[in-house]
Every structure is written in structure tokens, then in C-alpha cells.
Amino acid sequence: MIGLFKVKEKQREEAKNTNSRGASVKKQSAGELRLHKDITELNLPESCTISFPNGKNDLMNFEVTIKPDEGYYKNGKFVFTFQVSSVYPHEAPKVKCITKVYHPNIDLEGNVCLNILREDWKPVLNINTVIYGLFHLFTEPNYEDPLNHDAAAVLKTNPKQFETNVRRAMGGGYVGNTSFPRCI
């Protein structure tokens, strides 16, 4: 008997999610609705772009490209993937740098150390805030909260050497034993 009630309930739900032509209509989660609002209200610097590799029907997964116009990383091109959960904005998006970069706040696997993606995330923050935070990492890298401890130590003790290492890495060279792809 219980199984019959579940089947009837499922049929009612499917009927609610079908339009007048009989086509299935996907119900958007609160997270998708908020993300749609965030994306339509984006106010990005000219050096940042957003793209949807899976098409506009998959807003929850997208890429942001940052091309810094100043600082150590000037003229570089860095791509980040964003995965947004259905409980957004109550949970921060998962952000990964897919461009291998010599940076104190981004490790060689692409993990990003940005406080608003971890302990300082609050639902009032949005995608625009995260993108500006990432952009800020390239204009002012922070050696005090590193993921790449070697890069942080060089930045702290020898900024000129750090700049040389960044240029070498962005040009497709080696820093120590690590090879970097060209991103200029």
C-alpha cells in the first residue's frame, strides 16, 4: 500500500513539472535561482571573462579567465573552474585553477587559498566577490597564508627572484624541478 502512495505522489510531482505541451520542465533549486541572479548582475573587470563550457543550461559549472593587467602576473592567462552546489549561497562555490601557476596562494594541483572560499564565506557574498578575490590574488599575492610554501618563502625573502620565477613559469619554463605550461 505504501508503495502505491509513493507512485501516486511521484506522478503528481511529474504532472506539476510538465508544461501544457507535455514537455518536462526542470524545476530550479534556490541555489540555481540565486546563481542566475548573481551571473546576470556580474560587474567584472575588463581583464576577467566568464564562459559556460557545458552550455547556458548548466549554470552551476562554469569557467572564469583572469588576465591580470598589472603586477607580477601581468599578461598571463589563468583559468578557474567553478562548481556551485544546489545549496548555494549557503555553501561557497568550489573553485580550482586549471592553469598550473607558480603562486603562493595556489598550489600545483590548482587548489586556491582564498579566505572567502573557506572560513569567511557568508551567504551575502556572491560570484562577483569571489572573482574579485581571485583577481586580487594576482595583483597582490599573499605570502602569509600560503598553499605553495616555496613560492611564499621566495616572495617574502627575495621579491626580485620571485618575479623572475613567475616570468619563467609563465613563459613555459622550469622553477626548480617543476615544469610550467606557457600562459602568456
C-alpha atoms as a PDB file:
ATOM      1  CA  MET A   1       0.000   0.000   0.000  1.00  0.00           C
ATOM      2  CA  ILE A   2       2.823   2.412   0.882  1.00  0.00           C
ATOM      3  CA  GLY A   3       4.460   1.757  -2.494  1.00  0.00           C
ATOM      4  CA  LEU A   4       1.227   2.782  -4.244  1.00  0.00           C
ATOM      5  CA  PHE A   5       1.136   6.114  -2.383  1.00  0.00           C
ATOM      6  CA  LYS A   6       4.753   6.810  -3.391  1.00  0.00           C
ATOM      7  CA  VAL A   7       3.954   6.099  -7.054  1.00  0.00           C
ATOM      8  CA  LYS A   8       0.908   8.404  -6.944  1.00  0.00           C
ATOM      9  CA  GLU A   9       2.965  11.166  -5.264  1.00  0.00           C
ATOM     10  CA  LYS A  10       5.685  10.829  -7.921  1.00  0.00           C
ATOM     11  CA  GLN A  11       3.066  11.066 -10.699  1.00  0.00           C
ATOM     12  CA  ARG A  12       1.654  14.255  -9.129  1.00  0.00           C
ATOM     13  CA  GLU A  13       5.150  15.779  -8.971  1.00  0.00           C
ATOM     14  CA  GLU A  14       5.817  14.898 -12.614  1.00  0.00           C
ATOM     15  CA  ALA A  15       2.483  16.435 -13.617  1.00  0.00           C
ATOM     16  CA  LYS A  16       3.441  19.680 -11.819  1.00  0.00           C
ATOM     17  CA  ASN A  17       6.769  19.745 -13.658  1.00  0.00           C
ATOM     18  CA  THR A  18       5.243  19.327 -17.137  1.00  0.00           C
ATOM     19  CA  ASN A  19       4.193  22.267 -19.302  1.00  0.00           C
ATOM     20  CA  SER A  20       1.000  22.499 -21.416  1.00  0.00           C
ATOM     21  CA  ARG A  21       2.718  20.797 -24.389  1.00  0.00           C
ATOM     22  CA  GLY A  22       3.678  17.778 -22.320  1.00  0.00           C
ATOM     23  CA  ALA A  23       7.377  18.673 -22.215  1.00  0.00           C
ATOM     24  CA  SER A  24       9.197  18.166 -18.974  1.00  0.00           C
ATOM     25  CA  VAL A  25      10.122  21.364 -17.139  1.00  0.00           C
ATOM     26  CA  LYS A  26      13.148  21.257 -14.857  1.00  0.00           C
ATOM     27  CA  LYS A  27      12.428  22.816 -11.504  1.00  0.00           C
ATOM     28  CA  GLN A  28      15.231  25.167 -10.445  1.00  0.00           C
ATOM     29  CA  SER A  29      16.678  24.925  -6.958  1.00  0.00           C
ATOM     30  CA  ALA A  30      17.009  28.026  -4.780  1.00  0.00           C
ATOM     31  CA  GLY A  31      20.770  27.841  -5.421  1.00  0.00           C
ATOM     32  CA  GLU A  32      20.247  27.896  -9.201  1.00  0.00           C
ATOM     33  CA  LEU A  33      17.915  30.868  -8.931  1.00  0.00           C
ATOM     34  CA  ARG A  34      20.404  32.807  -6.778  1.00  0.00           C
ATOM     35  CA  LEU A  35      23.293  31.910  -9.087  1.00  0.00           C
ATOM     36  CA  HIS A  36      21.299  33.071 -12.127  1.00  0.00           C
ATOM     37  CA  LYS A  37      20.726  36.401 -10.353  1.00  0.00           C
ATOM     38  CA  ASP A  38      24.439  36.670  -9.454  1.00  0.00           C
ATOM     39  CA  ILE A  39      25.530  35.979 -13.030  1.00  0.00           C
ATOM     40  CA  THR A  40      23.121  38.493 -14.558  1.00  0.00           C
ATOM     41  CA  GLU A  41      24.414  41.141 -12.118  1.00  0.00           C
ATOM     42  CA  LEU A  42      28.138  40.471 -12.713  1.00  0.00           C
ATOM     43  CA  ASN A  43      30.299  43.580 -12.894  1.00  0.00           C
ATOM     44  CA  LEU A  44      33.694  42.172 -13.827  1.00  0.00           C
ATOM     45  CA  PRO A  45      36.933  43.983 -14.552  1.00  0.00           C
ATOM     46  CA  GLU A  46      37.789  44.025 -18.264  1.00  0.00           C
ATOM     47  CA  SER A  47      40.554  41.504 -17.582  1.00  0.00           C
ATOM     48  CA  CYS A  48      38.064  38.833 -16.412  1.00  0.00           C
ATOM     49  CA  THR A  49      35.676  36.775 -18.537  1.00  0.00           C
ATOM     50  CA  ILE A  50      33.165  34.047 -17.766  1.00  0.00           C
ATOM     51  CA  SER A  51      32.218  31.121 -20.010  1.00  0.00           C
ATOM     52  CA  PHE A  52      29.915  28.120 -19.823  1.00  0.00           C
ATOM     53  CA  PRO A  53      31.653  25.124 -21.439  1.00  0.00           C
ATOM     54  CA  ASN A  54      28.587  22.892 -20.876  1.00  0.00           C
ATOM     55  CA  GLY A  55      26.204  25.468 -22.374  1.00  0.00           C
ATOM     56  CA  LYS A  56      23.875  28.010 -20.786  1.00  0.00           C
ATOM     57  CA  ASN A  57      21.675  25.216 -19.405  1.00  0.00           C
ATOM     58  CA  ASP A  58      24.389  24.321 -16.882  1.00  0.00           C
ATOM     59  CA  LEU A  59      24.903  27.495 -14.883  1.00  0.00           C
ATOM     60  CA  MET A  60      26.226  25.538 -11.908  1.00  0.00           C
ATOM     61  CA  ASN A  61      29.534  24.759 -13.672  1.00  0.00           C
ATOM     62  CA  PHE A  62      31.460  27.493 -15.411  1.00  0.00           C
ATOM     63  CA  GLU A  63      34.920  28.898 -16.048  1.00  0.00           C
ATOM     64  CA  VAL A  64      36.422  32.275 -15.288  1.00  0.00           C
ATOM     65  CA  THR A  65      39.506  33.513 -17.127  1.00  0.00           C
ATOM     66  CA  ILE A  66      41.656  36.157 -15.484  1.00  0.00           C
ATOM     67  CA  LYS A  67      44.246  38.128 -17.477  1.00  0.00           C
ATOM     68  CA  PRO A  68      45.980  40.446 -14.970  1.00  0.00           C
ATOM     69  CA  ASP A  69      46.918  43.850 -16.370  1.00  0.00           C
ATOM     70  CA  GLU A  70      49.364  44.717 -13.583  1.00  0.00           C
ATOM     71  CA  GLY A  71      51.681  43.131 -11.046  1.00  0.00           C
ATOM     72  CA  TYR A  72      53.869  40.019 -11.190  1.00  0.00           C
ATOM     73  CA  TYR A  73      51.346  38.125 -13.343  1.00  0.00           C
ATOM     74  CA  LYS A  74      50.734  40.866 -15.920  1.00  0.00           C
ATOM     75  CA  ASN A  75      49.781  39.471 -19.365  1.00  0.00           C
ATOM     76  CA  GLY A  76      49.256  35.944 -18.024  1.00  0.00           C
ATOM     77  CA  LYS A  77      46.073  33.976 -18.660  1.00  0.00           C
ATOM     78  CA  PHE A  78      44.667  31.893 -15.805  1.00  0.00           C
ATOM     79  CA  VAL A  79      41.532  29.750 -15.998  1.00  0.00           C
ATOM     80  CA  PHE A  80      39.451  28.743 -12.975  1.00  0.00           C
ATOM     81  CA  THR A  81      36.611  26.247 -12.815  1.00  0.00           C
ATOM     82  CA  PHE A  82      33.641  26.940 -10.571  1.00  0.00           C
ATOM     83  CA  GLN A  83      31.321  24.225  -9.288  1.00  0.00           C
ATOM     84  CA  VAL A  84      28.327  25.597  -7.446  1.00  0.00           C
ATOM     85  CA  SER A  85      26.169  23.345  -5.286  1.00  0.00           C
ATOM     86  CA  SER A  86      22.383  23.462  -5.169  1.00  0.00           C
ATOM     87  CA  VAL A  87      22.570  24.880  -1.614  1.00  0.00           C
ATOM     88  CA  TYR A  88      24.432  27.993  -2.815  1.00  0.00           C
ATOM     89  CA  PRO A  89      24.729  30.642  -1.316  1.00  0.00           C
ATOM     90  CA  HIS A  90      24.804  28.738   1.973  1.00  0.00           C
ATOM     91  CA  GLU A  91      27.908  26.951   0.735  1.00  0.00           C
ATOM     92  CA  ALA A  92      30.814  28.564  -1.112  1.00  0.00           C
ATOM     93  CA  PRO A  93      31.466  27.515  -4.703  1.00  0.00           C
ATOM     94  CA  LYS A  94      34.282  25.028  -5.300  1.00  0.00           C
ATOM     95  CA  VAL A  95      36.976  26.849  -7.254  1.00  0.00           C
ATOM     96  CA  LYS A  96      40.029  25.302  -8.895  1.00  0.00           C
ATOM     97  CA  CYS A  97      42.758  26.862 -11.020  1.00  0.00           C
ATOM     98  CA  ILE A  98      43.246  24.667 -14.091  1.00  0.00           C
ATOM     99  CA  THR A  99      46.244  26.688 -15.253  1.00  0.00           C
ATOM    100  CA  LYS A 100      49.371  25.427 -13.498  1.00  0.00           C
ATOM    101  CA  VAL A 101      50.844  28.531 -11.870  1.00  0.00           C
ATOM    102  CA  TYR A 102      53.756  29.492  -9.611  1.00  0.00           C
ATOM    103  CA  HIS A 103      51.833  31.331  -6.903  1.00  0.00           C
ATOM    104  CA  PRO A 104      51.993  31.384  -3.083  1.00  0.00           C
ATOM    105  CA  ASN A 105      48.199  31.080  -2.746  1.00  0.00           C
ATOM    106  CA  ILE A 106      47.576  28.448  -5.445  1.00  0.00           C
ATOM    107  CA  ASP A 107      49.203  25.031  -5.207  1.00  0.00           C
ATOM    108  CA  LEU A 108      50.393  22.951  -8.134  1.00  0.00           C
ATOM    109  CA  GLU A 109      47.141  20.925  -8.104  1.00  0.00           C
ATOM    110  CA  GLY A 110      45.081  24.097  -8.578  1.00  0.00           C
ATOM    111  CA  ASN A 111      43.709  24.454  -5.056  1.00  0.00           C
ATOM    112  CA  VAL A 112      43.118  28.083  -4.141  1.00  0.00           C
ATOM    113  CA  CYS A 113      43.755  29.659  -0.750  1.00  0.00           C
ATOM    114  CA  LEU A 114      41.204  32.461  -0.521  1.00  0.00           C
ATOM    115  CA  ASN A 115      39.556  33.104   2.842  1.00  0.00           C
ATOM    116  CA  ILE A 116      36.119  33.844   1.371  1.00  0.00           C
ATOM    117  CA  LEU A 117      36.089  30.362  -0.168  1.00  0.00           C
ATOM    118  CA  ARG A 118      36.636  28.822   3.256  1.00  0.00           C
ATOM    119  CA  GLU A 119      36.111  30.155   6.784  1.00  0.00           C
ATOM    120  CA  ASP A 120      34.970  33.661   5.792  1.00  0.00           C
ATOM    121  CA  TRP A 121      32.241  32.588   3.364  1.00  0.00           C
ATOM    122  CA  LYS A 122      28.836  34.101   4.112  1.00  0.00           C
ATOM    123  CA  PRO A 123      25.608  33.806   2.097  1.00  0.00           C
ATOM    124  CA  VAL A 124      25.641  37.574   1.432  1.00  0.00           C
ATOM    125  CA  LEU A 125      28.777  37.078  -0.701  1.00  0.00           C
ATOM    126  CA  ASN A 126      28.370  36.281  -4.386  1.00  0.00           C
ATOM    127  CA  ILE A 127      30.209  35.119  -7.503  1.00  0.00           C
ATOM    128  CA  ASN A 128      31.313  38.666  -8.295  1.00  0.00           C
ATOM    129  CA  THR A 129      33.031  38.858  -4.881  1.00  0.00           C
ATOM    130  CA  VAL A 130      34.836  35.558  -5.477  1.00  0.00           C
ATOM    131  CA  ILE A 131      36.077  36.650  -8.913  1.00  0.00           C
ATOM    132  CA  TYR A 132      37.373  39.937  -7.496  1.00  0.00           C
ATOM    133  CA  GLY A 133      39.080  37.938  -4.726  1.00  0.00           C
ATOM    134  CA  LEU A 134      40.816  35.752  -7.312  1.00  0.00           C
ATOM    135  CA  PHE A 135      41.806  38.810  -9.331  1.00  0.00           C
ATOM    136  CA  HIS A 136      43.262  40.344  -6.157  1.00  0.00           C
ATOM    137  CA  LEU A 137      45.435  37.240  -5.618  1.00  0.00           C
ATOM    138  CA  PHE A 138      47.192  38.060  -8.885  1.00  0.00           C
ATOM    139  CA  THR A 139      47.661  41.744  -8.181  1.00  0.00           C
ATOM    140  CA  GLU A 140      48.769  41.212  -4.576  1.00  0.00           C
ATOM    141  CA  PRO A 141      49.874  37.635  -3.793  1.00  0.00           C
ATOM    142  CA  ASN A 142      49.959  36.906  -0.065  1.00  0.00           C
ATOM    143  CA  TYR A 143      52.910  35.031   1.423  1.00  0.00           C
ATOM    144  CA  GLU A 144      51.344  34.994   4.913  1.00  0.00           C
ATOM    145  CA  ASP A 145      48.687  32.361   4.116  1.00  0.00           C
ATOM    146  CA  PRO A 146      50.323  30.097   1.519  1.00  0.00           C
ATOM    147  CA  LEU A 147      49.467  26.843  -0.191  1.00  0.00           C
ATOM    148  CA  ASN A 148      52.742  26.859  -2.134  1.00  0.00           C
ATOM    149  CA  HIS A 149      55.210  27.388   0.723  1.00  0.00           C
ATOM    150  CA  ASP A 150      58.251  27.567  -1.570  1.00  0.00           C
ATOM    151  CA  ALA A 151      56.780  30.403  -3.639  1.00  0.00           C
ATOM    152  CA  ALA A 152      55.692  32.194  -0.459  1.00  0.00           C
ATOM    153  CA  ALA A 153      59.180  31.973   1.052  1.00  0.00           C
ATOM    154  CA  VAL A 154      60.770  33.393  -2.122  1.00  0.00           C
ATOM    155  CA  LEU A 155      58.188  36.219  -2.285  1.00  0.00           C
ATOM    156  CA  LYS A 156      58.845  37.099   1.367  1.00  0.00           C
ATOM    157  CA  THR A 157      62.654  36.990   1.277  1.00  0.00           C
ATOM    158  CA  ASN A 158      63.516  37.905  -2.317  1.00  0.00           C
ATOM    159  CA  PRO A 159      60.757  39.636  -4.336  1.00  0.00           C
ATOM    160  CA  LYS A 160      63.068  40.131  -7.345  1.00  0.00           C
ATOM    161  CA  GLN A 161      63.753  36.374  -7.505  1.00  0.00           C
ATOM    162  CA  PHE A 162      60.029  35.741  -7.100  1.00  0.00           C
ATOM    163  CA  GLU A 163      59.346  37.987 -10.096  1.00  0.00           C
ATOM    164  CA  THR A 164      61.992  36.107 -12.110  1.00  0.00           C
ATOM    165  CA  ASN A 165      60.408  32.769 -11.138  1.00  0.00           C
ATOM    166  CA  VAL A 166      56.918  33.981 -12.094  1.00  0.00           C
ATOM    167  CA  ARG A 167      58.133  35.185 -15.510  1.00  0.00           C
ATOM    168  CA  ARG A 168      59.991  31.913 -16.106  1.00  0.00           C
ATOM    169  CA  ALA A 169      56.932  29.850 -15.140  1.00  0.00           C
ATOM    170  CA  MET A 170      54.525  31.937 -17.241  1.00  0.00           C
ATOM    171  CA  GLY A 171      56.905  31.622 -20.201  1.00  0.00           C
ATOM    172  CA  GLY A 172      56.669  27.840 -20.074  1.00  0.00           C
ATOM    173  CA  GLY A 173      59.873  27.135 -18.167  1.00  0.00           C
ATOM    174  CA  TYR A 174      61.003  25.406 -15.009  1.00  0.00           C
ATOM    175  CA  VAL A 175      61.105  26.720 -11.472  1.00  0.00           C
ATOM    176  CA  GLY A 176      63.223  24.265  -9.522  1.00  0.00           C
ATOM    177  CA  ASN A 177      62.199  20.817 -10.746  1.00  0.00           C
ATOM    178  CA  THR A 178      58.680  21.871 -11.702  1.00  0.00           C
ATOM    179  CA  SER A 179      57.721  22.495 -15.323  1.00  0.00           C
ATOM    180  CA  PHE A 180      55.016  25.046 -16.136  1.00  0.00           C
ATOM    181  CA  PRO A 181      52.988  25.454 -19.350  1.00  0.00           C
ATOM    182  CA  ARG A 182      53.208  28.744 -21.187  1.00  0.00           C
ATOM    183  CA  CYS A 183      50.350  31.030 -20.147  1.00  0.00           C
ATOM    184  CA  ILE A 184      51.370  34.348 -21.690  1.00  0.00           C
END
